[in-house]
Amino acid sequence: MQLIECVPNFSEGRNISTINAIATAIRQVGVSLLHIDRGEAANRTVFTFVGPPTGVTEAAFQAIRVASELIDMRQQKGEHPRIGATDVCPLIPVSNISMDEVLRYAEQLGQRVGDSLDIPVFMYERSATRKERQNLATIRSGEYEGLAEKLQLGDWQPDYGPARFNAQAGATVLGARDFLIAYNVNLDTKSVDLATEIARTVRASGRLIKKADGTKQRIAGKLPFVKAIGWYIEEFGQAQVSMNLTDFKQTGVHHAFDACVAAAEKLGVQVTGSELIGLIPQQALMEAGQHYLSKKKNDSSDVKELVGIAIEQLGLADLASFNPEERIIEWAVKRVRDSL
């Protein structure tokens, strides 16, 4: 059976009735809703669901439709950057389906959202129609508040939908991509400045410095395939380094965690643990477990042992309980397959 995953991010993390309505729209299609990750301070909710391609794209459309009706971007504020009610909606191949096939489903979904819901749609990652649109941060630059002006620029006409401002729904970024790990490292400080300084140290894009002649130079950060920002999450009373790991096979969660620990120590800050947003591939936690086990001159091939070590060493239960049966993508998908 062909299976794809969809991980839409909605600009609502506080209104439970709206979040429940989106969840109902997804479940009514018949796909498996694996996880709902709600953040109040970020004012953002990440849904993860999986199923056959036609079912997943239908569920995604219905969720985007409900979000466009219930979320008013004119009133929405939160810590997380965003450009629309459905801020981003990626499709990811899971099993028995190629990326090229997923690309076609993403294009069909993008066109349907643009035409039927009157929402400007920008295609990104593998679905990007031009190089500068591959990066979500580039498309999102200026956020919702700058969208009306952005749509007037010739280089920022949407790929689908109207080239006019939808004041309530904003715009949606959509496309096919590989697995991405959304991962936050928790700090024992409330300082956004310190969190941002750590983010600049570890992220691939690094930082801009001003040279003596007044020109600016970009200094690369420590970790490739990492995007990061610093923010303060009021519900936790802590600042975090919020990261997207875009290629976990090159830069894993253990690399990101250790780099944040090292950068934090130089600033007199301690890392208290970390937080996973959504789901994670089993391989990522196994590699992390082996990494920390090898530091003790030990070795293991036991999956559950390695996963347990990773959860402990990364402090994944620092802010809330962490159930690997629900948070590891392969384990969650197995439950779906067993139920079909």
C-alpha atoms as a PDB file:
ATOM      1  CA  MET A   1       0.000   0.000   0.000  1.00  0.00           C
ATOM      2  CA  GLN A   2       1.188   3.504  -0.824  1.00  0.00           C
ATOM      3  CA  LEU A   3       1.410   5.758   2.212  1.00  0.00           C
ATOM      4  CA  ILE A   4       2.271   9.442   2.512  1.00  0.00           C
ATOM      5  CA  GLU A   5       2.496  11.698   5.510  1.00  0.00           C
ATOM      6  CA  CYS A   6       1.165  15.231   5.840  1.00  0.00           C
ATOM      7  CA  VAL A   7       2.369  17.635   8.547  1.00  0.00           C
ATOM      8  CA  PRO A   8       0.363  20.868   8.202  1.00  0.00           C
ATOM      9  CA  ASN A   9       1.152  23.761  10.559  1.00  0.00           C
ATOM     10  CA  PHE A  10      -1.801  25.972  11.490  1.00  0.00           C
ATOM     11  CA  SER A  11      -1.557  29.453  12.986  1.00  0.00           C
ATOM     12  CA  GLU A  12      -3.705  28.629  15.996  1.00  0.00           C
ATOM     13  CA  GLY A  13      -2.555  27.136  19.279  1.00  0.00           C
ATOM     14  CA  ARG A  14      -5.001  28.626  21.764  1.00  0.00           C
ATOM     15  CA  ASN A  15      -8.566  28.182  20.530  1.00  0.00           C
ATOM     16  CA  ILE A  16      -9.366  24.546  21.310  1.00  0.00           C
ATOM     17  CA  SER A  17     -12.632  24.543  19.350  1.00  0.00           C
ATOM     18  CA  THR A  18     -10.804  25.609  16.182  1.00  0.00           C
ATOM     19  CA  ILE A  19      -8.114  22.972  16.684  1.00  0.00           C
ATOM     20  CA  ASN A  20     -10.769  20.315  17.280  1.00  0.00           C
ATOM     21  CA  ALA A  21     -12.652  21.383  14.140  1.00  0.00           C
ATOM     22  CA  ILE A  22      -9.492  20.948  12.056  1.00  0.00           C
ATOM     23  CA  ALA A  23      -8.899  17.535  13.639  1.00  0.00           C
ATOM     24  CA  THR A  24     -12.476  16.501  12.842  1.00  0.00           C
ATOM     25  CA  ALA A  25     -12.056  17.556   9.206  1.00  0.00           C
ATOM     26  CA  ILE A  26      -8.979  15.331   8.954  1.00  0.00           C
ATOM     27  CA  ARG A  27     -10.508  12.311  10.699  1.00  0.00           C
ATOM     28  CA  GLN A  28     -13.725  12.439   8.686  1.00  0.00           C
ATOM     29  CA  VAL A  29     -11.796  11.641   5.512  1.00  0.00           C
ATOM     30  CA  GLY A  30     -10.649   8.341   6.974  1.00  0.00           C
ATOM     31  CA  VAL A  31      -6.886   8.869   7.282  1.00  0.00           C
ATOM     32  CA  SER A  32      -5.005   8.216  10.511  1.00  0.00           C
ATOM     33  CA  LEU A  33      -4.323  11.289  12.615  1.00  0.00           C
ATOM     34  CA  LEU A  34      -1.169  10.283  14.494  1.00  0.00           C
ATOM     35  CA  HIS A  35      -0.377  13.355  16.545  1.00  0.00           C
ATOM     36  CA  ILE A  36      -1.494  16.891  17.423  1.00  0.00           C
ATOM     37  CA  ASP A  37       1.175  19.204  18.817  1.00  0.00           C
ATOM     38  CA  ARG A  38      -0.313  22.427  20.192  1.00  0.00           C
ATOM     39  CA  GLY A  39       1.809  25.395  21.288  1.00  0.00           C
ATOM     40  CA  GLU A  40       0.098  28.262  23.076  1.00  0.00           C
ATOM     41  CA  ALA A  41       2.941  30.794  23.073  1.00  0.00           C
ATOM     42  CA  ALA A  42       3.885  29.952  19.496  1.00  0.00           C
ATOM     43  CA  ASN A  43       0.128  30.084  18.737  1.00  0.00           C
ATOM     44  CA  ARG A  44       0.626  27.206  16.363  1.00  0.00           C
ATOM     45  CA  THR A  45      -0.548  23.617  16.063  1.00  0.00           C
ATOM     46  CA  VAL A  46       1.180  20.890  14.071  1.00  0.00           C
ATOM     47  CA  PHE A  47      -0.893  17.924  12.912  1.00  0.00           C
ATOM     48  CA  THR A  48       0.611  14.676  11.654  1.00  0.00           C
ATOM     49  CA  PHE A  49      -1.523  12.264   9.653  1.00  0.00           C
ATOM     50  CA  VAL A  50      -0.826   9.413   7.275  1.00  0.00           C
ATOM     51  CA  GLY A  51      -2.703   7.343   4.707  1.00  0.00           C
ATOM     52  CA  PRO A  52      -3.097   6.630   0.993  1.00  0.00           C
ATOM     53  CA  PRO A  53      -2.211   9.626  -1.219  1.00  0.00           C
ATOM     54  CA  THR A  54      -5.744  10.480  -2.331  1.00  0.00           C
ATOM     55  CA  GLY A  55      -7.040  10.314   1.221  1.00  0.00           C
ATOM     56  CA  VAL A  56      -4.197  12.399   2.633  1.00  0.00           C
ATOM     57  CA  THR A  57      -4.551  15.131   0.010  1.00  0.00           C
ATOM     58  CA  GLU A  58      -8.321  15.247   0.563  1.00  0.00           C
ATOM     59  CA  ALA A  59      -7.814  15.488   4.323  1.00  0.00           C
ATOM     60  CA  ALA A  60      -5.241  18.232   3.815  1.00  0.00           C
ATOM     61  CA  PHE A  61      -7.629  20.212   1.627  1.00  0.00           C
ATOM     62  CA  GLN A  62     -10.472  19.916   4.129  1.00  0.00           C
ATOM     63  CA  ALA A  63      -8.183  20.966   6.992  1.00  0.00           C
ATOM     64  CA  ILE A  64      -6.958  23.992   5.025  1.00  0.00           C
ATOM     65  CA  ARG A  65     -10.568  24.887   4.197  1.00  0.00           C
ATOM     66  CA  VAL A  66     -11.655  24.760   7.841  1.00  0.00           C
ATOM     67  CA  ALA A  67      -8.596  26.741   8.945  1.00  0.00           C
ATOM     68  CA  SER A  68      -9.344  29.442   6.360  1.00  0.00           C
ATOM     69  CA  GLU A  69     -12.877  29.764   7.726  1.00  0.00           C
ATOM     70  CA  LEU A  70     -12.063  29.756  11.451  1.00  0.00           C
ATOM     71  CA  ILE A  71      -8.651  31.437  11.758  1.00  0.00           C
ATOM     72  CA  ASP A  72      -8.531  35.186  11.193  1.00  0.00           C
ATOM     73  CA  MET A  73      -4.955  36.261  10.547  1.00  0.00           C
ATOM     74  CA  ARG A  74      -5.893  39.880  11.226  1.00  0.00           C
ATOM     75  CA  GLN A  75      -6.184  38.897  14.891  1.00  0.00           C
ATOM     76  CA  GLN A  76      -3.495  36.210  15.107  1.00  0.00           C
ATOM     77  CA  LYS A  77      -0.300  36.847  17.077  1.00  0.00           C
ATOM     78  CA  GLY A  78       2.319  34.395  18.312  1.00  0.00           C
ATOM     79  CA  GLU A  79       6.017  33.701  18.734  1.00  0.00           C
ATOM     80  CA  HIS A  80       6.341  31.542  15.620  1.00  0.00           C
ATOM     81  CA  PRO A  81       6.874  33.155  12.203  1.00  0.00           C
ATOM     82  CA  ARG A  82       3.842  32.632   9.943  1.00  0.00           C
ATOM     83  CA  ILE A  83       2.311  33.779   6.671  1.00  0.00           C
ATOM     84  CA  GLY A  84      -1.185  32.331   6.782  1.00  0.00           C
ATOM     85  CA  ALA A  85      -3.874  30.383   8.610  1.00  0.00           C
ATOM     86  CA  THR A  86      -2.406  27.214   7.140  1.00  0.00           C
ATOM     87  CA  ASP A  87       1.171  28.388   7.268  1.00  0.00           C
ATOM     88  CA  VAL A  88       2.820  25.384   5.648  1.00  0.00           C
ATOM     89  CA  CYS A  89       1.530  22.020   4.424  1.00  0.00           C
ATOM     90  CA  PRO A  90       4.179  19.473   3.381  1.00  0.00           C
ATOM     91  CA  LEU A  91       3.576  16.030   1.867  1.00  0.00           C
ATOM     92  CA  ILE A  92       6.195  13.356   2.601  1.00  0.00           C
ATOM     93  CA  PRO A  93       6.610   9.888   1.057  1.00  0.00           C
ATOM     94  CA  VAL A  94       6.406   7.088   3.638  1.00  0.00           C
ATOM     95  CA  SER A  95       6.237   3.769   1.769  1.00  0.00           C
ATOM     96  CA  ASN A  96       5.831   2.345  -1.742  1.00  0.00           C
ATOM     97  CA  ILE A  97       5.707   5.760  -3.371  1.00  0.00           C
ATOM     98  CA  SER A  98       8.333   7.868  -5.106  1.00  0.00           C
ATOM     99  CA  MET A  99       9.072  11.519  -4.527  1.00  0.00           C
ATOM    100  CA  ASP A 100       8.027  12.228  -8.122  1.00  0.00           C
ATOM    101  CA  GLU A 101       4.585  10.795  -7.414  1.00  0.00           C
ATOM    102  CA  VAL A 102       4.271  12.870  -4.247  1.00  0.00           C
ATOM    103  CA  LEU A 103       5.269  15.948  -6.248  1.00  0.00           C
ATOM    104  CA  ARG A 104       2.271  15.435  -8.508  1.00  0.00           C
ATOM    105  CA  TYR A 105      -0.090  15.096  -5.550  1.00  0.00           C
ATOM    106  CA  ALA A 106       1.352  18.289  -4.051  1.00  0.00           C
ATOM    107  CA  GLU A 107       0.794  20.176  -7.299  1.00  0.00           C
ATOM    108  CA  GLN A 108      -2.810  18.967  -7.509  1.00  0.00           C
ATOM    109  CA  LEU A 109      -3.429  20.005  -3.917  1.00  0.00           C
ATOM    110  CA  GLY A 110      -1.816  23.393  -4.412  1.00  0.00           C
ATOM    111  CA  GLN A 111      -3.956  24.132  -7.460  1.00  0.00           C
ATOM    112  CA  ARG A 112      -7.136  23.024  -5.704  1.00  0.00           C
ATOM    113  CA  VAL A 113      -6.430  25.194  -2.646  1.00  0.00           C
ATOM    114  CA  GLY A 114      -5.673  28.214  -4.795  1.00  0.00           C
ATOM    115  CA  ASP A 115      -8.654  27.829  -7.110  1.00  0.00           C
ATOM    116  CA  SER A 116     -11.298  26.671  -4.630  1.00  0.00           C
ATOM    117  CA  LEU A 117     -10.367  28.612  -1.497  1.00  0.00           C
ATOM    118  CA  ASP A 118      -9.089  31.849  -3.037  1.00  0.00           C
ATOM    119  CA  ILE A 119      -5.779  31.510  -1.159  1.00  0.00           C
ATOM    120  CA  PRO A 120      -2.393  32.420  -2.677  1.00  0.00           C
ATOM    121  CA  VAL A 121      -0.248  29.268  -2.677  1.00  0.00           C
ATOM    122  CA  PHE A 122       3.544  29.183  -2.846  1.00  0.00           C
ATOM    123  CA  MET A 123       5.174  25.853  -3.681  1.00  0.00           C
ATOM    124  CA  TYR A 124       8.393  25.076  -1.783  1.00  0.00           C
ATOM    125  CA  GLU A 125      11.107  22.447  -1.157  1.00  0.00           C
ATOM    126  CA  ARG A 126      10.992  19.736  -3.879  1.00  0.00           C
ATOM    127  CA  SER A 127       7.906  21.440  -5.390  1.00  0.00           C
ATOM    128  CA  ALA A 128       9.527  24.873  -5.734  1.00  0.00           C
ATOM    129  CA  THR A 129       9.060  26.434  -9.156  1.00  0.00           C
ATOM    130  CA  ARG A 130      12.188  28.554  -8.765  1.00  0.00           C
ATOM    131  CA  LYS A 131      15.325  28.272  -6.659  1.00  0.00           C
ATOM    132  CA  GLU A 132      14.551  31.137  -4.273  1.00  0.00           C
ATOM    133  CA  ARG A 133      11.304  29.435  -3.262  1.00  0.00           C
ATOM    134  CA  GLN A 134      12.899  26.226  -2.015  1.00  0.00           C
ATOM    135  CA  ASN A 135      13.490  27.718   1.416  1.00  0.00           C
ATOM    136  CA  LEU A 136      10.411  28.198   3.594  1.00  0.00           C
ATOM    137  CA  ALA A 137      12.031  31.065   5.500  1.00  0.00           C
ATOM    138  CA  THR A 138      12.538  33.003   2.257  1.00  0.00           C
ATOM    139  CA  ILE A 139       8.894  32.654   1.274  1.00  0.00           C
ATOM    140  CA  ARG A 140       7.781  33.523   4.791  1.00  0.00           C
ATOM    141  CA  SER A 141      10.024  36.598   4.986  1.00  0.00           C
ATOM    142  CA  GLY A 142       7.944  39.606   5.984  1.00  0.00           C
ATOM    143  CA  GLU A 143       5.343  37.229   7.411  1.00  0.00           C
ATOM    144  CA  TYR A 144       1.609  37.880   7.197  1.00  0.00           C
ATOM    145  CA  GLU A 145       2.047  41.591   7.900  1.00  0.00           C
ATOM    146  CA  GLY A 146       4.175  42.036   4.769  1.00  0.00           C
ATOM    147  CA  LEU A 147       2.164  39.730   2.518  1.00  0.00           C
ATOM    148  CA  ALA A 148      -0.070  42.330   0.841  1.00  0.00           C
ATOM    149  CA  GLU A 149       2.969  44.290  -0.316  1.00  0.00           C
ATOM    150  CA  LYS A 150       4.858  41.129  -1.285  1.00  0.00           C
ATOM    151  CA  LEU A 151       2.066  39.981  -3.591  1.00  0.00           C
ATOM    152  CA  GLN A 152       2.463  43.211  -5.563  1.00  0.00           C
ATOM    153  CA  LEU A 153       6.034  42.305  -6.502  1.00  0.00           C
ATOM    154  CA  GLY A 154       6.607  40.606  -9.820  1.00  0.00           C
ATOM    155  CA  ASP A 155       8.928  38.005  -8.289  1.00  0.00           C
ATOM    156  CA  TRP A 156       6.349  36.994  -5.700  1.00  0.00           C
ATOM    157  CA  GLN A 157       3.312  36.084  -7.718  1.00  0.00           C
ATOM    158  CA  PRO A 158       1.859  32.889  -6.198  1.00  0.00           C
ATOM    159  CA  ASP A 159       2.190  29.569  -7.983  1.00  0.00           C
ATOM    160  CA  TYR A 160      -1.532  28.934  -7.565  1.00  0.00           C
ATOM    161  CA  GLY A 161      -4.478  31.029  -6.503  1.00  0.00           C
ATOM    162  CA  PRO A 162      -5.014  34.780  -6.760  1.00  0.00           C
ATOM    163  CA  ALA A 163      -2.196  37.332  -6.677  1.00  0.00           C
ATOM    164  CA  ARG A 164      -4.229  39.397  -4.246  1.00  0.00           C
ATOM    165  CA  PHE A 165      -4.248  39.641  -0.490  1.00  0.00           C
ATOM    166  CA  ASN A 166      -6.598  37.331   1.401  1.00  0.00           C
ATOM    167  CA  ALA A 167      -6.833  39.277   4.655  1.00  0.00           C
ATOM    168  CA  GLN A 168      -8.378  36.479   6.696  1.00  0.00           C
ATOM    169  CA  ALA A 169      -6.453  33.412   5.495  1.00  0.00           C
ATOM    170  CA  GLY A 170      -3.197  34.965   4.324  1.00  0.00           C
ATOM    171  CA  ALA A 171      -1.186  32.596   2.105  1.00  0.00           C
ATOM    172  CA  THR A 172      -0.209  28.931   2.274  1.00  0.00           C
ATOM    173  CA  VAL A 173       3.171  27.331   1.543  1.00  0.00           C
ATOM    174  CA  LEU A 174       2.802  23.822   0.177  1.00  0.00           C
ATOM    175  CA  GLY A 175       4.995  21.135  -1.350  1.00  0.00           C
ATOM    176  CA  ALA A 176       6.643  17.734  -1.264  1.00  0.00           C
ATOM    177  CA  ARG A 177       9.712  17.229   0.910  1.00  0.00           C
ATOM    178  CA  ASP A 178      11.768  14.645   2.754  1.00  0.00           C
ATOM    179  CA  PHE A 179      11.488  14.041   6.473  1.00  0.00           C
ATOM    180  CA  LEU A 180      12.232  17.112   8.561  1.00  0.00           C
ATOM    181  CA  ILE A 181      12.717  17.040  12.310  1.00  0.00           C
ATOM    182  CA  ALA A 182      11.297  19.996  14.225  1.00  0.00           C
ATOM    183  CA  TYR A 183      13.329  20.092  17.402  1.00  0.00           C
ATOM    184  CA  ASN A 184      13.705  22.604  20.246  1.00  0.00           C
ATOM    185  CA  VAL A 185      16.426  22.749  22.894  1.00  0.00           C
ATOM    186  CA  ASN A 186      15.358  24.098  26.300  1.00  0.00           C
ATOM    187  CA  LEU A 187      17.471  26.638  28.192  1.00  0.00           C
ATOM    188  CA  ASP A 188      17.544  27.655  31.862  1.00  0.00           C
ATOM    189  CA  THR A 189      17.043  31.287  30.914  1.00  0.00           C
ATOM    190  CA  LYS A 190      14.242  33.562  29.765  1.00  0.00           C
ATOM    191  CA  SER A 191      16.606  35.573  27.577  1.00  0.00           C
ATOM    192  CA  VAL A 192      15.673  35.572  23.890  1.00  0.00           C
ATOM    193  CA  ASP A 193      18.989  37.310  23.158  1.00  0.00           C
ATOM    194  CA  LEU A 194      20.966  34.404  24.606  1.00  0.00           C
ATOM    195  CA  ALA A 195      18.809  31.848  22.777  1.00  0.00           C
ATOM    196  CA  THR A 196      19.280  33.777  19.531  1.00  0.00           C
ATOM    197  CA  GLU A 197      23.042  33.902  20.051  1.00  0.00           C
ATOM    198  CA  ILE A 198      23.123  30.113  20.442  1.00  0.00           C
ATOM    199  CA  ALA A 199      20.922  29.726  17.345  1.00  0.00           C
ATOM    200  CA  ARG A 200      23.345  31.851  15.324  1.00  0.00           C
ATOM    201  CA  THR A 201      26.240  29.707  16.489  1.00  0.00           C
ATOM    202  CA  VAL A 202      24.700  26.368  15.532  1.00  0.00           C
ATOM    203  CA  ARG A 203      22.567  27.080  12.447  1.00  0.00           C
ATOM    204  CA  ALA A 204      23.949  26.620   8.946  1.00  0.00           C
ATOM    205  CA  SER A 205      23.352  30.249   7.939  1.00  0.00           C
ATOM    206  CA  GLY A 206      25.343  31.480  10.931  1.00  0.00           C
ATOM    207  CA  ARG A 207      25.405  35.223  11.427  1.00  0.00           C
ATOM    208  CA  LEU A 208      26.077  38.517   9.679  1.00  0.00           C
ATOM    209  CA  ILE A 209      28.962  40.563  11.039  1.00  0.00           C
ATOM    210  CA  LYS A 210      29.830  44.151  10.240  1.00  0.00           C
ATOM    211  CA  LYS A 211      33.393  44.627   9.017  1.00  0.00           C
ATOM    212  CA  ALA A 212      35.603  47.647   9.705  1.00  0.00           C
ATOM    213  CA  ASP A 213      34.853  49.095   6.264  1.00  0.00           C
ATOM    214  CA  GLY A 214      31.114  49.010   6.984  1.00  0.00           C
ATOM    215  CA  THR A 215      30.340  46.048   4.747  1.00  0.00           C
ATOM    216  CA  LYS A 216      28.686  42.917   6.089  1.00  0.00           C
ATOM    217  CA  GLN A 217      30.023  39.399   5.968  1.00  0.00           C
ATOM    218  CA  ARG A 218      28.199  36.160   6.686  1.00  0.00           C
ATOM    219  CA  ILE A 219      29.981  33.731   8.971  1.00  0.00           C
ATOM    220  CA  ALA A 220      28.679  30.175   8.631  1.00  0.00           C
ATOM    221  CA  GLY A 221      27.392  28.372  11.688  1.00  0.00           C
ATOM    222  CA  LYS A 222      28.510  25.049  13.074  1.00  0.00           C
ATOM    223  CA  LEU A 223      25.865  22.676  11.741  1.00  0.00           C
ATOM    224  CA  PRO A 224      24.847  22.070   8.124  1.00  0.00           C
ATOM    225  CA  PHE A 225      21.192  21.326   7.372  1.00  0.00           C
ATOM    226  CA  VAL A 226      20.013  23.224  10.448  1.00  0.00           C
ATOM    227  CA  LYS A 227      17.722  26.249  10.591  1.00  0.00           C
ATOM    228  CA  ALA A 228      17.374  27.880  13.997  1.00  0.00           C
ATOM    229  CA  ILE A 229      15.948  30.847  15.845  1.00  0.00           C
ATOM    230  CA  GLY A 230      15.797  31.791  19.520  1.00  0.00           C
ATOM    231  CA  TRP A 231      12.548  32.536  21.310  1.00  0.00           C
ATOM    232  CA  TYR A 232      10.877  32.636  24.725  1.00  0.00           C
ATOM    233  CA  ILE A 233       7.948  30.303  25.448  1.00  0.00           C
ATOM    234  CA  GLU A 234       5.822  31.757  28.217  1.00  0.00           C
ATOM    235  CA  GLU A 235       3.961  28.530  29.017  1.00  0.00           C
ATOM    236  CA  PHE A 236       7.310  26.885  29.879  1.00  0.00           C
ATOM    237  CA  GLY A 237       8.942  29.969  31.397  1.00  0.00           C
ATOM    238  CA  GLN A 238      12.030  29.207  29.321  1.00  0.00           C
ATOM    239  CA  ALA A 239      13.802  30.353  26.212  1.00  0.00           C
ATOM    240  CA  GLN A 240      14.445  27.767  23.515  1.00  0.00           C
ATOM    241  CA  VAL A 241      16.609  27.277  20.474  1.00  0.00           C
ATOM    242  CA  SER A 242      13.973  26.267  17.923  1.00  0.00           C
ATOM    243  CA  MET A 243      15.404  24.233  15.048  1.00  0.00           C
ATOM    244  CA  ASN A 244      14.455  22.462  11.851  1.00  0.00           C
ATOM    245  CA  LEU A 245      16.828  19.643  10.932  1.00  0.00           C
ATOM    246  CA  THR A 246      16.367  19.365   7.176  1.00  0.00           C
ATOM    247  CA  ASP A 247      18.619  16.315   6.676  1.00  0.00           C
ATOM    248  CA  PHE A 248      18.812  14.292   9.890  1.00  0.00           C
ATOM    249  CA  LYS A 249      21.109  11.738   8.227  1.00  0.00           C
ATOM    250  CA  GLN A 250      23.754  14.455   7.950  1.00  0.00           C
ATOM    251  CA  THR A 251      22.956  16.422  11.116  1.00  0.00           C
ATOM    252  CA  GLY A 252      21.134  14.409  13.732  1.00  0.00           C
ATOM    253  CA  VAL A 253      19.306  15.462  16.875  1.00  0.00           C
ATOM    254  CA  HIS A 254      22.341  14.479  18.961  1.00  0.00           C
ATOM    255  CA  HIS A 255      24.563  16.781  16.883  1.00  0.00           C
ATOM    256  CA  ALA A 256      22.099  19.639  17.372  1.00  0.00           C
ATOM    257  CA  PHE A 257      21.711  18.977  21.100  1.00  0.00           C
ATOM    258  CA  ASP A 258      25.453  18.720  21.774  1.00  0.00           C
ATOM    259  CA  ALA A 259      26.193  21.854  19.748  1.00  0.00           C
ATOM    260  CA  CYS A 260      23.597  23.811  21.726  1.00  0.00           C
ATOM    261  CA  VAL A 261      25.033  22.520  25.006  1.00  0.00           C
ATOM    262  CA  ALA A 262      28.543  23.642  24.001  1.00  0.00           C
ATOM    263  CA  ALA A 263      27.372  27.063  22.788  1.00  0.00           C
ATOM    264  CA  ALA A 264      25.223  27.569  25.894  1.00  0.00           C
ATOM    265  CA  GLU A 265      28.089  26.728  28.253  1.00  0.00           C
ATOM    266  CA  LYS A 266      30.216  29.464  26.697  1.00  0.00           C
ATOM    267  CA  LEU A 267      27.453  31.931  27.559  1.00  0.00           C
ATOM    268  CA  GLY A 268      26.960  30.652  31.089  1.00  0.00           C
ATOM    269  CA  VAL A 269      23.633  29.022  30.207  1.00  0.00           C
ATOM    270  CA  GLN A 270      22.565  25.447  30.863  1.00  0.00           C
ATOM    271  CA  VAL A 271      20.515  23.188  28.600  1.00  0.00           C
ATOM    272  CA  THR A 272      17.759  21.476  30.603  1.00  0.00           C
ATOM    273  CA  GLY A 273      16.442  19.137  27.924  1.00  0.00           C
ATOM    274  CA  SER A 274      14.758  19.232  24.560  1.00  0.00           C
ATOM    275  CA  GLU A 275      11.382  19.028  22.872  1.00  0.00           C
ATOM    276  CA  LEU A 276      10.292  17.205  19.732  1.00  0.00           C
ATOM    277  CA  ILE A 277       7.531  18.759  17.635  1.00  0.00           C
ATOM    278  CA  GLY A 278       5.552  16.121  15.772  1.00  0.00           C
ATOM    279  CA  LEU A 279       7.155  12.774  14.968  1.00  0.00           C
ATOM    280  CA  ILE A 280      10.701  11.526  14.380  1.00  0.00           C
ATOM    281  CA  PRO A 281      12.220   8.676  12.314  1.00  0.00           C
ATOM    282  CA  GLN A 282      13.423   5.690  14.320  1.00  0.00           C
ATOM    283  CA  GLN A 283      16.880   5.968  12.772  1.00  0.00           C
ATOM    284  CA  ALA A 284      17.367   9.433  14.261  1.00  0.00           C
ATOM    285  CA  LEU A 285      16.824   8.222  17.826  1.00  0.00           C
ATOM    286  CA  MET A 286      18.819   5.031  17.312  1.00  0.00           C
ATOM    287  CA  GLU A 287      21.802   7.028  16.078  1.00  0.00           C
ATOM    288  CA  ALA A 288      21.473   9.385  19.024  1.00  0.00           C
ATOM    289  CA  GLY A 289      21.325   6.450  21.436  1.00  0.00           C
ATOM    290  CA  GLN A 290      24.408   4.864  19.886  1.00  0.00           C
ATOM    291  CA  HIS A 291      26.223   8.206  20.014  1.00  0.00           C
ATOM    292  CA  TYR A 292      25.706   8.575  23.756  1.00  0.00           C
ATOM    293  CA  LEU A 293      26.312   4.889  24.438  1.00  0.00           C
ATOM    294  CA  SER A 294      29.643   5.021  22.604  1.00  0.00           C
ATOM    295  CA  LYS A 295      30.763   7.828  24.903  1.00  0.00           C
ATOM    296  CA  LYS A 296      30.616   5.221  27.671  1.00  0.00           C
ATOM    297  CA  LYS A 297      32.625   2.782  25.527  1.00  0.00           C
ATOM    298  CA  ASN A 298      29.573   0.568  25.103  1.00  0.00           C
ATOM    299  CA  ASP A 299      27.677  -0.713  22.093  1.00  0.00           C
ATOM    300  CA  SER A 300      24.207  -2.087  21.404  1.00  0.00           C
ATOM    301  CA  SER A 301      21.973  -3.050  18.509  1.00  0.00           C
ATOM    302  CA  ASP A 302      18.799  -3.278  20.564  1.00  0.00           C
ATOM    303  CA  VAL A 303      16.342  -0.778  19.140  1.00  0.00           C
ATOM    304  CA  LYS A 304      14.361  -0.159  22.321  1.00  0.00           C
ATOM    305  CA  GLU A 305      17.509   0.213  24.405  1.00  0.00           C
ATOM    306  CA  LEU A 306      18.988   2.765  22.004  1.00  0.00           C
ATOM    307  CA  VAL A 307      15.717   4.693  21.805  1.00  0.00           C
ATOM    308  CA  GLY A 308      15.485   4.757  25.600  1.00  0.00           C
ATOM    309  CA  ILE A 309      19.036   6.066  25.934  1.00  0.00           C
ATOM    310  CA  ALA A 310      18.321   8.796  23.365  1.00  0.00           C
ATOM    311  CA  ILE A 311      15.166   9.909  25.164  1.00  0.00           C
ATOM    312  CA  GLU A 312      17.061  10.125  28.448  1.00  0.00           C
ATOM    313  CA  GLN A 313      20.211  11.829  27.163  1.00  0.00           C
ATOM    314  CA  LEU A 314      18.352  14.346  25.020  1.00  0.00           C
ATOM    315  CA  GLY A 315      15.939  15.143  27.845  1.00  0.00           C
ATOM    316  CA  LEU A 316      12.924  14.612  25.599  1.00  0.00           C
ATOM    317  CA  ALA A 317      10.654  14.256  28.628  1.00  0.00           C
ATOM    318  CA  ASP A 318      11.840  17.543  30.146  1.00  0.00           C
ATOM    319  CA  LEU A 319       8.628  19.453  29.407  1.00  0.00           C
ATOM    320  CA  ALA A 320       6.090  16.628  28.976  1.00  0.00           C
ATOM    321  CA  SER A 321       5.952  12.855  28.870  1.00  0.00           C
ATOM    322  CA  PHE A 322       7.420  11.268  25.751  1.00  0.00           C
ATOM    323  CA  ASN A 323       5.845   8.073  24.425  1.00  0.00           C
ATOM    324  CA  PRO A 324       7.994   6.565  21.643  1.00  0.00           C
ATOM    325  CA  GLU A 325       5.065   4.413  20.491  1.00  0.00           C
ATOM    326  CA  GLU A 326       3.311   7.630  19.471  1.00  0.00           C
ATOM    327  CA  ARG A 327       6.276   9.797  18.474  1.00  0.00           C
ATOM    328  CA  ILE A 328       8.413   7.523  16.260  1.00  0.00           C
ATOM    329  CA  ILE A 329       7.041   7.630  12.746  1.00  0.00           C
ATOM    330  CA  GLU A 330       7.678   3.973  11.852  1.00  0.00           C
ATOM    331  CA  TRP A 331       6.070   2.747  15.081  1.00  0.00           C
ATOM    332  CA  ALA A 332       3.045   4.961  14.572  1.00  0.00           C
ATOM    333  CA  VAL A 333       2.719   3.907  10.919  1.00  0.00           C
ATOM    334  CA  LYS A 334       2.914   0.220  11.920  1.00  0.00           C
ATOM    335  CA  ARG A 335      -0.121   0.729  14.124  1.00  0.00           C
ATOM    336  CA  VAL A 336      -1.900   2.235  11.123  1.00  0.00           C
ATOM    337  CA  ARG A 337      -0.991  -0.669   8.851  1.00  0.00           C
ATOM    338  CA  ASP A 338      -2.012  -3.219  11.492  1.00  0.00           C
ATOM    339  CA  SER A 339      -5.414  -1.544  11.753  1.00  0.00           C
ATOM    340  CA  LEU A 340      -6.068  -1.573   7.992  1.00  0.00           C
END
